[in-house]
């Protein structure tokens, strides 16, 4: 039996608030002057669903970090409140970018949330900021991050949506579990059953394509068949 969970939501939040290709090659020579020979690449070992679940923070609890260099205490308070009010249930991973429009004293803020890594969220927020910035405006810079409340180097690069879905569905899915997620969008897919790897990838990439982006999904969790 094959089961699946899929997410294809927009990661843009609010109307205005608003990571291994490792090529392993070896050079071998039997004697001086012999030709160099490249060794085949080794596929990365992916974590299982059980290993991933053991590393998940609480998917419903997040932390807003304001990068307040150059911001007054009042501005930090106001920006923090606006971001929290806008986030609602859509949070990590997220980032906030801002610029100062020409002849304005108020920052224009762009927020992206529920991406699968802080790097993806920061790229997205900066891209949105640059798209909005006009001539004469200040440069865009990052002023905030939305991360899990308990965030360590071992925390999987998965959005809170995927973490929650995996924690809720792992015990109910039959057979090996496969998780696919987009590198640069909020899309993802979870499948359970035999021979579902390609199905998870296809579904995730189809959702990315439907959102108008270039398919970029990877398998990031995979149980042994």
N, C-alpha and C. Protein backbone atom coordinates (compact mmCIF):
# COMPACT_ATOMS: atom_id res chain seq x y z
N UNK A 1 0.84 -1.20 0.00
CA UNK A 1 0.00 0.00 0.00
C UNK A 1 0.88 1.25 0.00
N UNK A 2 0.53 2.20 -0.82
CA UNK A 2 1.28 3.45 -0.91
C UNK A 2 0.45 4.59 -0.35
N UNK A 3 1.07 5.40 0.51
CA UNK A 3 0.40 6.58 1.05
C UNK A 3 1.31 7.77 0.86
N UNK A 4 0.70 8.95 0.89
CA UNK A 4 1.53 10.13 0.68
C UNK A 4 0.94 11.34 1.38
N UNK A 5 1.82 12.27 1.69
CA UNK A 5 1.45 13.59 2.18
C UNK A 5 2.21 14.59 1.34
N UNK A 6 1.57 15.67 1.00
CA UNK A 6 2.22 16.61 0.09
C UNK A 6 1.91 18.02 0.50
N UNK A 7 2.91 18.87 0.32
CA UNK A 7 2.71 20.28 0.61
C UNK A 7 3.15 21.12 -0.56
N UNK A 8 2.34 22.07 -0.93
CA UNK A 8 2.69 22.93 -2.07
C UNK A 8 2.18 24.33 -1.82
N UNK A 9 2.53 24.87 -0.67
CA UNK A 9 2.00 26.17 -0.34
C UNK A 9 2.94 27.27 -0.74
N UNK A 10 2.38 28.45 -0.85
CA UNK A 10 3.18 29.63 -1.15
C UNK A 10 3.94 30.03 0.11
N UNK A 11 5.22 30.38 -0.05
CA UNK A 11 6.02 30.78 1.09
C UNK A 11 6.05 32.28 1.29
N UNK A 12 5.30 32.99 0.49
CA UNK A 12 5.24 34.44 0.66
C UNK A 12 4.20 34.74 1.73
N UNK A 13 4.56 35.58 2.68
CA UNK A 13 3.67 35.87 3.79
C UNK A 13 3.33 37.34 3.82
N UNK A 14 2.07 37.65 3.74
CA UNK A 14 1.63 39.02 3.87
C UNK A 14 1.76 39.82 2.59
N UNK A 15 0.95 40.83 2.42
CA UNK A 15 0.99 41.64 1.21
C UNK A 15 2.22 42.54 1.13
N UNK A 16 2.71 43.03 2.26
CA UNK A 16 3.86 43.94 2.24
C UNK A 16 5.01 43.38 3.09
N UNK A 17 4.61 42.77 4.21
CA UNK A 17 5.65 42.17 5.03
C UNK A 17 6.13 40.92 4.28
N UNK A 18 6.21 42.29 3.63
CA UNK A 18 6.62 41.45 2.61
C UNK A 18 8.12 41.24 3.17
N UNK A 19 22.27 25.12 0.33
CA UNK A 19 22.71 24.17 0.52
C UNK A 19 23.05 22.87 0.13
N UNK A 20 24.53 18.75 -1.72
CA UNK A 20 25.94 18.59 -1.44
C UNK A 20 26.31 17.88 -2.68
N UNK A 21 26.66 18.73 -3.51
CA UNK A 21 27.22 17.97 -4.62
C UNK A 21 28.67 17.83 -4.26
N UNK A 22 29.02 16.68 -3.86
CA UNK A 22 30.41 16.48 -3.45
C UNK A 22 31.02 15.49 -4.41
N UNK A 23 31.89 15.98 -5.25
CA UNK A 23 32.53 15.11 -6.23
C UNK A 23 33.78 14.54 -5.60
N UNK A 24 33.76 13.24 -5.39
CA UNK A 24 34.90 12.60 -4.76
C UNK A 24 35.70 11.91 -5.86
N UNK A 25 36.87 12.44 -6.13
CA UNK A 25 37.70 11.90 -7.19
C UNK A 25 39.06 11.56 -6.62
N UNK A 26 39.62 10.45 -7.04
CA UNK A 26 40.95 10.09 -6.58
C UNK A 26 41.89 10.00 -7.76
N UNK A 27 43.12 10.32 -7.55
CA UNK A 27 44.12 10.21 -8.59
C UNK A 27 45.00 9.02 -8.25
N UNK A 28 45.03 8.08 -9.14
CA UNK A 28 45.84 6.88 -8.90
C UNK A 28 46.86 6.74 -10.01
N UNK A 29 48.05 6.42 -9.64
CA UNK A 29 49.09 6.17 -10.65
C UNK A 29 49.92 4.99 -10.20
N UNK A 30 50.16 4.07 -11.10
CA UNK A 30 50.97 2.89 -10.78
C UNK A 30 52.43 3.26 -10.77
N UNK A 31 52.82 4.27 -11.54
CA UNK A 31 54.20 4.73 -11.58
C UNK A 31 54.20 6.14 -12.11
N UNK A 32 55.34 6.80 -12.03
CA UNK A 32 55.43 8.18 -12.50
C UNK A 32 55.09 8.24 -13.97
N UNK A 33 54.27 9.24 -14.32
CA UNK A 33 53.93 9.44 -15.72
C UNK A 33 52.64 8.76 -16.13
N UNK A 34 52.02 7.96 -15.24
CA UNK A 34 50.76 7.31 -15.61
C UNK A 34 49.65 8.33 -15.55
N UNK A 35 48.57 8.09 -16.27
CA UNK A 35 47.46 9.05 -16.34
C UNK A 35 46.68 9.05 -15.03
N UNK A 36 46.19 10.24 -14.67
CA UNK A 36 45.34 10.35 -13.48
C UNK A 36 44.00 9.71 -13.76
N UNK A 37 43.46 9.06 -12.73
CA UNK A 37 42.19 8.35 -12.90
C UNK A 37 41.21 8.83 -11.83
N UNK A 38 40.05 9.31 -12.24
CA UNK A 38 39.06 9.80 -11.28
C UNK A 38 38.26 8.64 -10.72
N UNK A 39 38.07 8.66 -9.41
CA UNK A 39 37.26 7.64 -8.75
C UNK A 39 35.78 8.02 -8.84
N UNK A 40 34.90 7.04 -8.87
CA UNK A 40 33.47 7.36 -8.96
C UNK A 40 32.97 8.07 -7.71
N UNK A 41 31.97 8.93 -7.92
CA UNK A 41 31.40 9.67 -6.79
C UNK A 41 30.63 8.73 -5.89
N UNK A 42 30.68 9.00 -4.58
CA UNK A 42 29.94 8.21 -3.62
C UNK A 42 28.63 8.93 -3.30
N UNK A 43 27.53 8.19 -3.35
CA UNK A 43 26.24 8.78 -3.04
C UNK A 43 26.15 9.05 -1.53
N UNK A 44 25.60 10.20 -1.14
CA UNK A 44 25.47 10.49 0.28
C UNK A 44 24.50 9.51 0.95
N UNK A 45 24.77 9.19 2.19
CA UNK A 45 23.88 8.32 2.96
C UNK A 45 22.80 9.20 3.60
N UNK A 46 21.57 8.98 3.23
CA UNK A 46 20.47 9.80 3.72
C UNK A 46 19.97 9.28 5.07
N UNK A 47 19.52 10.16 5.92
CA UNK A 47 18.95 9.72 7.20
C UNK A 47 17.62 9.02 6.99
N UNK A 48 17.31 8.10 7.87
CA UNK A 48 16.02 7.42 7.84
C UNK A 48 14.98 8.30 8.52
N UNK A 49 13.73 7.90 8.38
CA UNK A 49 12.66 8.65 9.05
C UNK A 49 12.86 8.61 10.56
N UNK A 50 13.23 7.46 11.11
CA UNK A 50 13.45 7.35 12.55
C UNK A 50 14.58 8.26 13.02
N UNK A 51 15.68 8.30 12.26
CA UNK A 51 16.79 9.18 12.62
C UNK A 51 16.39 10.65 12.55
N UNK A 52 15.61 10.98 11.54
CA UNK A 52 15.16 12.36 11.39
C UNK A 52 14.23 12.77 12.51
N UNK A 53 13.29 11.89 12.84
CA UNK A 53 12.35 12.20 13.91
C UNK A 53 13.06 12.46 15.23
N UNK A 54 14.16 11.74 15.48
CA UNK A 54 14.90 11.91 16.73
C UNK A 54 15.56 13.28 16.83
N UNK A 55 15.72 13.96 15.70
CA UNK A 55 16.39 15.26 15.68
C UNK A 55 15.43 16.44 15.55
N UNK A 56 14.15 16.16 15.40
CA UNK A 56 13.21 17.25 15.16
C UNK A 56 12.96 18.07 16.41
N UNK A 57 12.99 19.38 16.29
CA UNK A 57 12.51 20.24 17.37
C UNK A 57 10.98 20.25 17.34
N UNK A 58 10.38 20.95 18.26
CA UNK A 58 8.93 21.11 18.26
C UNK A 58 8.55 21.92 17.03
N UNK A 59 7.80 21.33 16.08
CA UNK A 59 7.50 22.06 14.83
C UNK A 59 6.55 23.23 15.02
N UNK A 60 5.95 23.33 16.18
CA UNK A 60 4.99 24.41 16.39
C UNK A 60 5.57 25.58 17.18
N UNK A 61 6.81 25.48 17.58
CA UNK A 61 7.42 26.56 18.36
C UNK A 61 8.60 27.16 17.59
N UNK A 62 8.60 28.46 17.47
CA UNK A 62 9.65 29.12 16.70
C UNK A 62 10.21 30.30 17.49
N UNK A 63 11.31 30.84 16.98
CA UNK A 63 11.97 31.99 17.60
C UNK A 63 12.23 33.04 16.52
N UNK A 64 11.87 34.25 16.80
CA UNK A 64 12.15 35.37 15.91
C UNK A 64 13.41 36.07 16.40
N UNK A 65 14.41 36.14 15.53
CA UNK A 65 15.67 36.81 15.87
C UNK A 65 15.75 38.09 15.05
N UNK A 66 15.75 39.24 15.70
CA UNK A 66 15.90 40.51 15.01
C UNK A 66 17.37 40.87 14.97
N UNK A 67 17.90 41.03 13.78
CA UNK A 67 19.30 41.44 13.59
C UNK A 67 19.30 42.96 13.65
N UNK A 68 19.51 43.49 14.87
CA UNK A 68 19.17 44.88 15.12
C UNK A 68 20.30 45.88 14.95
N UNK A 69 21.35 45.52 14.22
CA UNK A 69 22.42 46.48 14.00
C UNK A 69 21.89 47.71 13.26
N UNK A 70 22.01 48.85 13.89
CA UNK A 70 21.54 50.09 13.27
C UNK A 70 20.08 50.40 13.53
N UNK A 71 19.36 49.53 14.21
CA UNK A 71 17.95 49.77 14.49
C UNK A 71 17.79 50.26 15.92
N UNK A 72 16.90 51.20 16.10
CA UNK A 72 16.63 51.69 17.44
C UNK A 72 15.81 50.66 18.21
N UNK A 73 15.81 50.71 19.55
CA UNK A 73 14.98 49.78 20.32
C UNK A 73 13.50 49.85 19.95
N UNK A 74 13.02 51.07 19.68
CA UNK A 74 11.61 51.19 19.28
C UNK A 74 11.36 50.50 17.94
N UNK A 75 12.30 50.66 16.99
CA UNK A 75 12.13 50.03 15.69
C UNK A 75 12.15 48.50 15.82
N UNK A 76 13.02 47.98 16.67
CA UNK A 76 13.07 46.53 16.90
C UNK A 76 11.74 46.03 17.42
N UNK A 77 11.17 46.78 18.38
CA UNK A 77 9.89 46.38 18.96
C UNK A 77 8.78 46.40 17.91
N UNK A 78 8.72 47.47 17.14
CA UNK A 78 7.66 47.60 16.14
C UNK A 78 7.79 46.54 15.06
N UNK A 79 9.01 46.35 14.55
CA UNK A 79 9.24 45.36 13.48
C UNK A 79 8.92 43.96 13.99
N UNK A 80 9.37 43.64 15.21
CA UNK A 80 9.09 42.32 15.78
C UNK A 80 7.61 42.04 15.89
N UNK A 81 6.86 43.04 16.36
CA UNK A 81 5.41 42.87 16.51
C UNK A 81 4.75 42.67 15.15
N UNK A 82 5.14 43.47 14.15
CA UNK A 82 4.56 43.35 12.81
C UNK A 82 4.82 41.97 12.22
N UNK A 83 6.05 41.46 12.39
CA UNK A 83 6.40 40.16 11.83
C UNK A 83 5.60 39.05 12.49
N UNK A 84 5.53 39.07 13.82
CA UNK A 84 4.79 38.02 14.54
C UNK A 84 3.32 38.04 14.16
N UNK A 85 2.75 39.24 14.05
CA UNK A 85 1.34 39.34 13.66
C UNK A 85 1.11 38.79 12.25
N UNK A 86 2.08 38.98 11.37
CA UNK A 86 1.93 38.54 9.98
C UNK A 86 2.16 37.04 9.82
N UNK A 87 3.06 36.48 10.61
CA UNK A 87 3.43 35.08 10.46
C UNK A 87 2.26 34.14 10.66
N UNK A 88 1.50 34.33 11.72
CA UNK A 88 0.43 33.39 12.01
C UNK A 88 1.00 32.00 12.26
N UNK A 89 0.50 31.01 11.54
CA UNK A 89 0.97 29.64 11.71
C UNK A 89 2.08 29.29 10.74
N UNK A 90 2.48 30.20 9.89
CA UNK A 90 3.53 29.94 8.91
C UNK A 90 4.83 30.57 9.38
N UNK A 91 5.78 29.72 9.80
CA UNK A 91 7.00 30.31 10.36
C UNK A 91 8.27 29.70 9.79
N UNK A 92 9.01 28.89 10.60
CA UNK A 92 10.36 28.56 10.14
C UNK A 92 10.36 27.60 8.95
N UNK A 93 11.41 27.74 8.16
CA UNK A 93 12.47 28.74 8.29
C UNK A 93 12.04 30.00 7.55
N UNK A 94 12.40 31.14 8.14
CA UNK A 94 12.01 32.39 7.52
C UNK A 94 13.09 33.44 7.65
N UNK A 95 12.95 34.50 6.89
CA UNK A 95 13.90 35.61 6.94
C UNK A 95 13.19 36.91 6.59
N UNK A 96 13.75 37.99 7.09
CA UNK A 96 13.20 39.32 6.85
C UNK A 96 14.29 40.20 6.25
N UNK A 97 13.98 40.82 5.14
CA UNK A 97 14.91 41.76 4.50
C UNK A 97 14.23 43.12 4.41
N UNK A 98 15.04 44.17 4.38
CA UNK A 98 14.45 45.51 4.35
C UNK A 98 15.37 46.48 3.62
N UNK A 99 14.76 47.55 3.13
CA UNK A 99 15.53 48.66 2.57
C UNK A 99 14.78 49.94 2.88
N UNK A 100 15.47 51.05 2.75
CA UNK A 100 14.85 52.34 2.98
C UNK A 100 14.60 53.01 1.64
N UNK A 101 13.34 53.14 1.24
CA UNK A 101 13.04 53.79 -0.04
C UNK A 101 13.54 55.23 -0.06
N UNK A 102 13.76 55.72 -1.26
CA UNK A 102 14.21 57.11 -1.43
C UNK A 102 13.18 58.06 -0.82
N UNK A 103 13.69 59.04 -0.11
CA UNK A 103 12.86 60.08 0.51
C UNK A 103 11.86 59.50 1.51
N UNK A 104 12.17 58.38 2.10
CA UNK A 104 11.28 57.79 3.10
C UNK A 104 12.04 57.61 4.41
N UNK A 105 11.31 57.66 5.50
CA UNK A 105 11.91 57.41 6.81
C UNK A 105 11.43 56.07 7.38
N UNK A 106 10.65 55.35 6.59
CA UNK A 106 10.11 54.06 7.06
C UNK A 106 10.64 52.92 6.20
N UNK A 107 11.15 51.88 6.85
CA UNK A 107 11.68 50.73 6.14
C UNK A 107 10.60 50.00 5.37
N UNK A 108 10.94 49.57 4.17
CA UNK A 108 10.08 48.65 3.41
C UNK A 108 10.56 47.24 3.73
N UNK A 109 9.67 46.42 4.25
CA UNK A 109 10.05 45.11 4.78
C UNK A 109 9.47 44.00 3.92
N UNK A 110 10.30 43.00 3.65
CA UNK A 110 9.86 41.82 2.91
C UNK A 110 10.13 40.58 3.75
N UNK A 111 9.13 39.74 3.88
CA UNK A 111 9.20 38.55 4.72
C UNK A 111 8.94 37.30 3.91
N UNK A 112 9.79 36.29 4.08
CA UNK A 112 9.54 34.96 3.52
C UNK A 112 9.57 33.95 4.65
N UNK A 113 8.66 33.01 4.64
CA UNK A 113 8.58 32.02 5.72
C UNK A 113 8.32 30.63 5.16
N UNK A 114 8.37 29.65 6.03
CA UNK A 114 8.16 28.21 5.83
C UNK A 114 8.99 27.61 4.69
N UNK A 115 10.21 28.13 4.54
CA UNK A 115 11.19 27.49 3.65
C UNK A 115 11.88 26.36 4.42
N UNK A 116 12.71 25.57 3.70
CA UNK A 116 13.31 24.39 4.32
C UNK A 116 14.70 24.61 4.88
N UNK A 117 15.24 25.80 4.78
CA UNK A 117 16.53 26.14 5.38
C UNK A 117 16.60 27.64 5.56
N UNK A 118 17.43 28.07 6.49
CA UNK A 118 17.57 29.51 6.71
C UNK A 118 18.22 30.15 5.50
N UNK A 119 19.13 29.42 4.82
CA UNK A 119 19.77 29.98 3.63
C UNK A 119 18.76 30.26 2.53
N UNK A 120 17.84 29.31 2.31
CA UNK A 120 16.81 29.51 1.29
C UNK A 120 15.91 30.68 1.64
N UNK A 121 15.56 30.79 2.91
CA UNK A 121 14.70 31.90 3.34
C UNK A 121 15.39 33.24 3.14
N UNK A 122 16.67 33.31 3.47
CA UNK A 122 17.39 34.57 3.31
C UNK A 122 17.52 34.96 1.84
N UNK A 123 17.80 33.97 0.98
CA UNK A 123 17.86 34.29 -0.46
C UNK A 123 16.53 34.82 -0.97
N UNK A 124 15.46 34.17 -0.56
CA UNK A 124 14.14 34.57 -1.04
C UNK A 124 13.76 35.96 -0.56
N UNK A 125 14.02 36.25 0.72
CA UNK A 125 13.67 37.56 1.25
C UNK A 125 14.48 38.66 0.57
N UNK A 126 15.77 38.42 0.35
CA UNK A 126 16.61 39.41 -0.32
C UNK A 126 16.18 39.61 -1.78
N UNK A 127 15.82 38.51 -2.46
CA UNK A 127 15.35 38.62 -3.85
C UNK A 127 14.09 39.48 -3.92
N UNK A 128 13.16 39.25 -2.99
CA UNK A 128 11.94 40.05 -2.98
C UNK A 128 12.24 41.51 -2.71
N UNK A 129 13.15 41.75 -1.79
CA UNK A 129 13.52 43.12 -1.46
C UNK A 129 14.14 43.82 -2.66
N UNK A 130 15.05 43.14 -3.36
CA UNK A 130 15.70 43.74 -4.53
C UNK A 130 14.70 44.01 -5.63
N UNK A 131 13.71 43.12 -5.78
CA UNK A 131 12.70 43.31 -6.82
C UNK A 131 11.85 44.55 -6.56
N UNK A 132 11.69 44.91 -5.30
CA UNK A 132 10.86 46.05 -4.94
C UNK A 132 11.66 47.36 -4.88
N UNK A 133 12.95 47.27 -4.65
CA UNK A 133 13.79 48.46 -4.44
C UNK A 133 13.89 49.29 -5.71
N UNK A 134 13.74 50.57 -5.58
CA UNK A 134 13.81 51.47 -6.73
C UNK A 134 15.08 52.32 -6.66
N UNK A 135 15.34 53.08 -7.71
CA UNK A 135 16.53 53.92 -7.78
C UNK A 135 16.54 54.92 -6.63
N UNK A 136 17.68 55.05 -6.01
CA UNK A 136 17.81 56.00 -4.92
C UNK A 136 17.55 55.39 -3.55
N UNK A 137 17.04 54.18 -3.52
CA UNK A 137 16.77 53.52 -2.23
C UNK A 137 18.06 52.94 -1.66
N UNK A 138 18.05 52.67 -0.38
CA UNK A 138 19.21 52.06 0.25
C UNK A 138 19.34 50.60 -0.19
N UNK A 139 20.48 50.00 0.09
CA UNK A 139 20.69 48.59 -0.23
C UNK A 139 19.81 47.71 0.65
N UNK A 140 19.45 46.55 0.14
CA UNK A 140 18.68 45.59 0.93
C UNK A 140 19.60 44.88 1.92
N UNK A 141 19.10 44.63 3.10
CA UNK A 141 19.86 43.86 4.08
C UNK A 141 18.92 43.02 4.92
N UNK A 142 19.47 41.96 5.49
CA UNK A 142 18.70 41.07 6.34
C UNK A 142 18.56 41.68 7.72
N UNK A 143 17.35 41.69 8.23
CA UNK A 143 17.13 42.23 9.57
C UNK A 143 16.46 41.23 10.50
N UNK A 144 16.14 40.02 10.01
CA UNK A 144 15.48 39.06 10.90
C UNK A 144 15.53 37.63 10.39
N UNK A 145 15.44 36.69 11.33
CA UNK A 145 15.38 35.27 11.02
C UNK A 145 14.27 34.63 11.84
N UNK A 146 13.57 33.67 11.22
CA UNK A 146 12.58 32.87 11.94
C UNK A 146 13.09 31.44 11.94
N UNK A 147 13.42 30.92 13.11
CA UNK A 147 14.06 29.62 13.25
C UNK A 147 13.32 28.79 14.31
N UNK A 148 13.58 27.47 14.36
CA UNK A 148 12.98 26.67 15.44
C UNK A 148 13.40 27.21 16.81
N UNK A 149 12.53 27.06 17.78
CA UNK A 149 12.87 27.55 19.12
C UNK A 149 14.14 26.90 19.64
N UNK A 150 14.28 25.59 19.41
CA UNK A 150 15.51 24.88 19.75
C UNK A 150 16.18 24.48 18.44
N UNK A 151 17.20 25.23 18.06
CA UNK A 151 17.85 25.07 16.76
C UNK A 151 19.32 24.78 16.96
N UNK A 152 19.80 23.62 16.46
CA UNK A 152 21.20 23.25 16.58
C UNK A 152 21.73 22.89 15.20
N UNK A 153 23.02 22.58 15.14
CA UNK A 153 23.63 22.19 13.87
C UNK A 153 23.04 20.89 13.33
N UNK A 154 22.41 20.09 14.20
CA UNK A 154 21.84 18.81 13.79
C UNK A 154 20.38 18.91 13.36
N UNK A 155 19.79 20.09 13.49
CA UNK A 155 18.38 20.24 13.11
C UNK A 155 18.22 20.03 11.61
N UNK A 156 17.34 19.13 11.19
CA UNK A 156 17.16 18.90 9.74
C UNK A 156 16.69 20.15 9.01
N UNK A 157 17.14 20.27 7.76
CA UNK A 157 16.69 21.38 6.93
C UNK A 157 15.34 21.04 6.34
N UNK A 158 14.32 21.25 7.16
CA UNK A 158 12.93 20.99 6.78
C UNK A 158 12.07 22.08 7.40
N UNK A 159 11.06 22.49 6.68
CA UNK A 159 10.16 23.50 7.22
C UNK A 159 9.32 22.92 8.34
N UNK A 160 8.69 23.81 9.08
CA UNK A 160 7.82 23.33 10.16
C UNK A 160 6.67 22.49 9.62
N UNK A 161 6.20 22.78 8.42
CA UNK A 161 5.14 21.97 7.81
C UNK A 161 5.56 20.52 7.64
N UNK A 162 6.76 20.30 7.10
CA UNK A 162 7.26 18.95 6.88
C UNK A 162 7.52 18.25 8.20
N UNK A 163 8.12 18.96 9.14
CA UNK A 163 8.39 18.36 10.46
C UNK A 163 7.09 17.89 11.11
N UNK A 164 6.09 18.74 11.06
CA UNK A 164 4.80 18.37 11.67
C UNK A 164 4.18 17.19 10.95
N UNK A 165 4.15 17.24 9.62
CA UNK A 165 3.54 16.15 8.85
C UNK A 165 4.27 14.83 9.08
N UNK A 166 5.60 14.87 9.12
CA UNK A 166 6.37 13.64 9.34
C UNK A 166 6.14 13.09 10.74
N UNK A 167 6.12 13.95 11.73
CA UNK A 167 5.91 13.48 13.10
C UNK A 167 4.51 12.90 13.28
N UNK A 168 3.53 13.44 12.57
CA UNK A 168 2.16 12.95 12.70
C UNK A 168 1.88 11.71 11.86
N UNK A 169 2.58 11.55 10.75
CA UNK A 169 2.23 10.48 9.80
C UNK A 169 3.16 9.28 9.85
N UNK A 170 4.34 9.41 10.44
CA UNK A 170 5.33 8.33 10.39
C UNK A 170 4.78 7.01 10.92
N UNK A 171 4.01 7.06 12.00
CA UNK A 171 3.47 5.84 12.59
C UNK A 171 2.33 5.23 11.81
N UNK A 172 1.77 5.99 10.89
CA UNK A 172 0.61 5.50 10.13
C UNK A 172 0.95 5.06 8.71
N UNK A 173 2.11 5.48 8.21
CA UNK A 173 2.48 5.13 6.84
C UNK A 173 2.98 3.69 6.77
N UNK A 174 2.57 2.98 5.74
CA UNK A 174 3.01 1.60 5.52
C UNK A 174 4.28 1.59 4.69
N UNK A 175 5.25 0.74 5.08
CA UNK A 175 6.45 0.59 4.29
C UNK A 175 7.44 1.70 4.50
N UNK A 176 8.53 1.70 3.71
CA UNK A 176 9.58 2.71 3.84
C UNK A 176 9.04 4.11 3.57
N UNK A 177 9.58 5.08 4.29
CA UNK A 177 9.17 6.48 4.15
C UNK A 177 10.21 7.25 3.36
N UNK A 178 9.73 8.07 2.45
CA UNK A 178 10.59 8.92 1.64
C UNK A 178 10.09 10.36 1.74
N UNK A 179 11.02 11.28 1.97
CA UNK A 179 10.66 12.70 2.03
C UNK A 179 11.44 13.45 0.94
N UNK A 180 10.72 14.19 0.12
CA UNK A 180 11.34 15.06 -0.88
C UNK A 180 11.00 16.50 -0.52
N UNK A 181 11.96 17.38 -0.74
CA UNK A 181 11.66 18.79 -0.49
C UNK A 181 12.44 19.67 -1.46
N UNK A 182 11.85 20.80 -1.77
CA UNK A 182 12.45 21.77 -2.68
C UNK A 182 13.57 22.53 -1.97
N UNK A 183 14.63 22.85 -2.69
CA UNK A 183 15.72 23.63 -2.11
C UNK A 183 15.36 25.10 -1.95
N UNK A 184 14.58 25.64 -2.87
CA UNK A 184 14.33 27.08 -2.87
C UNK A 184 12.88 27.50 -2.75
N UNK A 185 11.96 26.55 -2.65
CA UNK A 185 10.55 26.91 -2.44
C UNK A 185 10.03 26.15 -1.22
N UNK A 186 8.77 26.36 -0.90
CA UNK A 186 8.18 25.71 0.27
C UNK A 186 7.61 24.33 -0.03
N UNK A 187 7.75 23.83 -1.24
CA UNK A 187 7.09 22.58 -1.63
C UNK A 187 7.80 21.35 -1.08
N UNK A 188 7.01 20.28 -0.88
CA UNK A 188 7.53 19.03 -0.33
C UNK A 188 6.53 17.91 -0.58
N UNK A 189 6.99 16.67 -0.35
CA UNK A 189 6.12 15.50 -0.46
C UNK A 189 6.66 14.39 0.44
N UNK A 190 5.76 13.69 1.10
CA UNK A 190 6.11 12.53 1.91
C UNK A 190 5.33 11.33 1.38
N UNK A 191 6.05 10.26 1.06
CA UNK A 191 5.43 9.04 0.57
C UNK A 191 5.84 7.86 1.46
N UNK A 192 4.91 6.91 1.62
CA UNK A 192 5.20 5.68 2.34
C UNK A 192 4.83 4.49 1.48
N UNK A 193 5.70 3.49 1.43
CA UNK A 193 5.44 2.30 0.61
C UNK A 193 6.68 1.91 -0.18
N UNK A 194 6.58 0.80 -0.86
CA UNK A 194 7.70 0.31 -1.65
C UNK A 194 7.83 1.11 -2.96
N UNK A 195 9.06 1.35 -3.38
CA UNK A 195 9.34 1.97 -4.68
C UNK A 195 8.62 3.30 -4.86
N UNK A 196 8.69 4.14 -3.86
CA UNK A 196 8.00 5.44 -3.94
C UNK A 196 8.96 6.62 -4.09
N UNK A 197 10.26 6.34 -4.21
CA UNK A 197 11.25 7.41 -4.29
C UNK A 197 10.96 8.37 -5.45
N UNK A 198 10.76 7.81 -6.64
CA UNK A 198 10.54 8.66 -7.80
C UNK A 198 9.19 9.37 -7.72
N UNK A 199 8.21 8.70 -7.12
CA UNK A 199 6.90 9.33 -6.97
C UNK A 199 6.99 10.57 -6.09
N UNK A 200 7.74 10.47 -5.01
CA UNK A 200 7.90 11.62 -4.12
C UNK A 200 8.60 12.77 -4.85
N UNK A 201 9.66 12.44 -5.58
CA UNK A 201 10.37 13.47 -6.34
C UNK A 201 9.48 14.11 -7.38
N UNK A 202 8.75 13.29 -8.13
CA UNK A 202 7.90 13.81 -9.19
C UNK A 202 6.82 14.73 -8.64
N UNK A 203 6.21 14.32 -7.54
CA UNK A 203 5.14 15.14 -6.98
C UNK A 203 5.67 16.47 -6.46
N UNK A 204 6.79 16.42 -5.78
CA UNK A 204 7.40 17.65 -5.27
C UNK A 204 7.78 18.58 -6.42
N UNK A 205 8.42 18.05 -7.45
CA UNK A 205 8.83 18.88 -8.58
C UNK A 205 7.64 19.43 -9.35
N UNK A 206 6.57 18.64 -9.44
CA UNK A 206 5.37 19.13 -10.12
C UNK A 206 4.79 20.33 -9.39
N UNK A 207 4.82 20.30 -8.07
CA UNK A 207 4.31 21.42 -7.29
C UNK A 207 5.19 22.65 -7.46
N UNK A 208 6.50 22.45 -7.52
CA UNK A 208 7.41 23.58 -7.74
C UNK A 208 7.15 24.19 -9.12
N UNK A 209 6.98 23.33 -10.11
CA UNK A 209 6.72 23.80 -11.47
C UNK A 209 5.40 24.57 -11.53
N UNK A 210 4.39 24.06 -10.83
CA UNK A 210 3.08 24.72 -10.83
C UNK A 210 3.16 26.10 -10.18
N UNK A 211 4.11 26.29 -9.29
CA UNK A 211 4.29 27.59 -8.64
C UNK A 211 5.11 28.55 -9.48
N UNK A 212 5.52 28.10 -10.68
CA UNK A 212 6.27 28.96 -11.57
C UNK A 212 7.75 28.97 -11.35
N UNK A 213 8.28 28.00 -10.60
CA UNK A 213 9.72 27.93 -10.34
C UNK A 213 10.32 26.73 -11.06
N UNK A 214 11.66 26.70 -11.09
CA UNK A 214 12.37 25.59 -11.72
C UNK A 214 12.42 24.41 -10.76
N UNK A 215 11.99 23.22 -11.18
CA UNK A 215 12.01 22.06 -10.29
C UNK A 215 13.39 21.83 -9.67
N UNK A 216 13.41 21.68 -8.35
CA UNK A 216 14.69 21.58 -7.64
C UNK A 216 14.61 20.66 -6.42
N UNK A 217 13.71 19.67 -6.46
CA UNK A 217 13.49 18.83 -5.29
C UNK A 217 14.56 17.76 -5.12
N UNK A 218 14.88 17.47 -3.88
CA UNK A 218 15.82 16.42 -3.51
C UNK A 218 15.14 15.47 -2.54
N UNK A 219 15.60 14.21 -2.53
CA UNK A 219 15.22 13.28 -1.47
C UNK A 219 16.13 13.56 -0.29
N UNK A 220 15.55 13.83 0.87
CA UNK A 220 16.36 14.18 2.04
C UNK A 220 16.18 13.20 3.19
N UNK A 221 15.14 12.38 3.13
CA UNK A 221 14.91 11.32 4.12
C UNK A 221 14.50 10.08 3.36
N UNK A 222 15.11 8.94 3.68
CA UNK A 222 14.80 7.72 2.93
C UNK A 222 15.06 6.48 3.78
N UNK A 223 14.01 5.72 4.01
CA UNK A 223 14.16 4.44 4.70
C UNK A 223 14.70 3.39 3.74
N UNK A 224 15.46 2.45 4.27
CA UNK A 224 15.94 1.35 3.44
C UNK A 224 14.76 0.52 2.99
N UNK A 225 14.75 0.09 1.72
CA UNK A 225 13.60 -0.71 1.23
C UNK A 225 13.55 -2.07 1.90
